Protein backbone atom coordinates (compact mmCIF):
# COMPACT_ATOMS: atom_id res chain seq x y z
CA UNK A 1 1.73 4.55 -17.33
CA UNK A 2 3.62 1.48 -18.58
CA UNK A 3 5.38 1.10 -15.22
CA UNK A 4 2.05 1.18 -13.39
CA UNK A 5 0.43 -1.38 -15.68
CA UNK A 6 3.46 -3.68 -15.52
CA UNK A 7 3.40 -3.45 -11.72
CA UNK A 8 -0.33 -4.24 -11.53
CA UNK A 9 0.13 -7.20 -13.86
CA UNK A 10 2.93 -8.52 -11.67
CA UNK A 11 0.76 -8.18 -8.54
CA UNK A 12 -2.04 -10.09 -10.25
CA UNK A 13 0.35 -12.81 -11.45
CA UNK A 14 1.43 -13.33 -7.83
CA UNK A 15 -2.19 -13.13 -6.59
CA UNK A 16 -1.39 -10.17 -4.31
CA UNK A 17 -4.39 -8.10 -3.21
CA UNK A 18 -4.26 -4.40 -4.09
CA UNK A 19 -6.49 -1.35 -4.25
CA UNK A 20 -6.08 1.80 -6.37
CA UNK A 21 -6.46 5.33 -5.07
CA UNK A 22 -5.60 8.86 -6.23
CA UNK A 23 -3.49 11.01 -3.92
CA UNK A 24 -1.14 13.99 -4.42
CA UNK A 25 -1.65 13.96 -8.20
CA UNK A 26 -0.46 10.36 -8.28
CA UNK A 27 -1.99 6.91 -8.57
CA UNK A 28 -1.49 5.02 -5.32
CA UNK A 29 -1.45 1.25 -5.23
CA UNK A 30 -2.29 0.03 -1.73
CA UNK A 31 -1.04 -3.50 -1.14
CA UNK A 32 -1.96 -5.79 1.73
CA UNK A 33 0.10 -8.87 2.55
CA UNK A 34 0.28 -10.68 5.91
CA UNK A 35 1.94 -8.40 8.44
CA UNK A 36 2.56 -5.59 5.96
CA UNK A 37 0.83 -2.82 4.08
CA UNK A 38 2.57 -1.03 1.23
CA UNK A 39 1.71 2.25 -0.49
CA UNK A 40 3.30 2.62 -3.92
CA UNK A 41 2.69 5.96 -5.67
CA UNK A 42 3.19 6.45 -9.42
CA UNK A 43 3.62 10.09 -10.47
CA UNK A 44 3.05 11.62 -13.93
CA UNK A 45 6.79 12.42 -14.27
CA UNK A 46 7.61 8.69 -13.99
CA UNK A 47 8.85 8.79 -10.40
CA UNK A 48 7.73 6.14 -7.93
CA UNK A 49 7.56 6.35 -4.13
CA UNK A 50 7.24 3.31 -1.86
CA UNK A 51 6.20 3.42 1.80
CA UNK A 52 6.00 0.21 3.86
CA UNK A 53 4.10 -0.34 7.10
CA UNK A 54 5.28 -3.47 8.88
CA UNK A 55 3.70 -4.92 12.00
CA UNK A 56 5.66 -5.67 15.14
CA UNK A 57 3.69 -8.89 15.51
CA UNK A 58 2.21 -7.76 18.83
CA UNK A 59 -1.56 -8.25 19.04
CA UNK A 60 -3.31 -5.87 21.41
CA UNK A 61 -6.76 -5.90 22.99
CA UNK A 62 -9.59 -3.39 22.44
CA UNK A 63 -8.01 -0.85 24.79
CA UNK A 64 -5.55 -0.04 21.99
CA UNK A 65 -8.42 1.52 20.01
CA UNK A 66 -8.32 4.56 22.31
CA UNK A 67 -4.96 5.49 20.78
CA UNK A 68 -6.68 5.97 17.41
CA UNK A 69 -8.71 8.88 18.78
CA UNK A 70 -6.08 10.50 21.01
């Protein structure tokens, strides 16, 4: 729990937007920064998993929305 609270405090100190969620028996911190989205999961055993989603910088038109449903 200390690691989670320290991490949240650090995000707030740097004015980084985040949202909390519960997934797979863990607390997930979803972080949004320009061009990136991070998912950081804190598990009861003290382990932490980090997954990063980074944009290619390519902006597509509305036709790309069809991919979401296919």
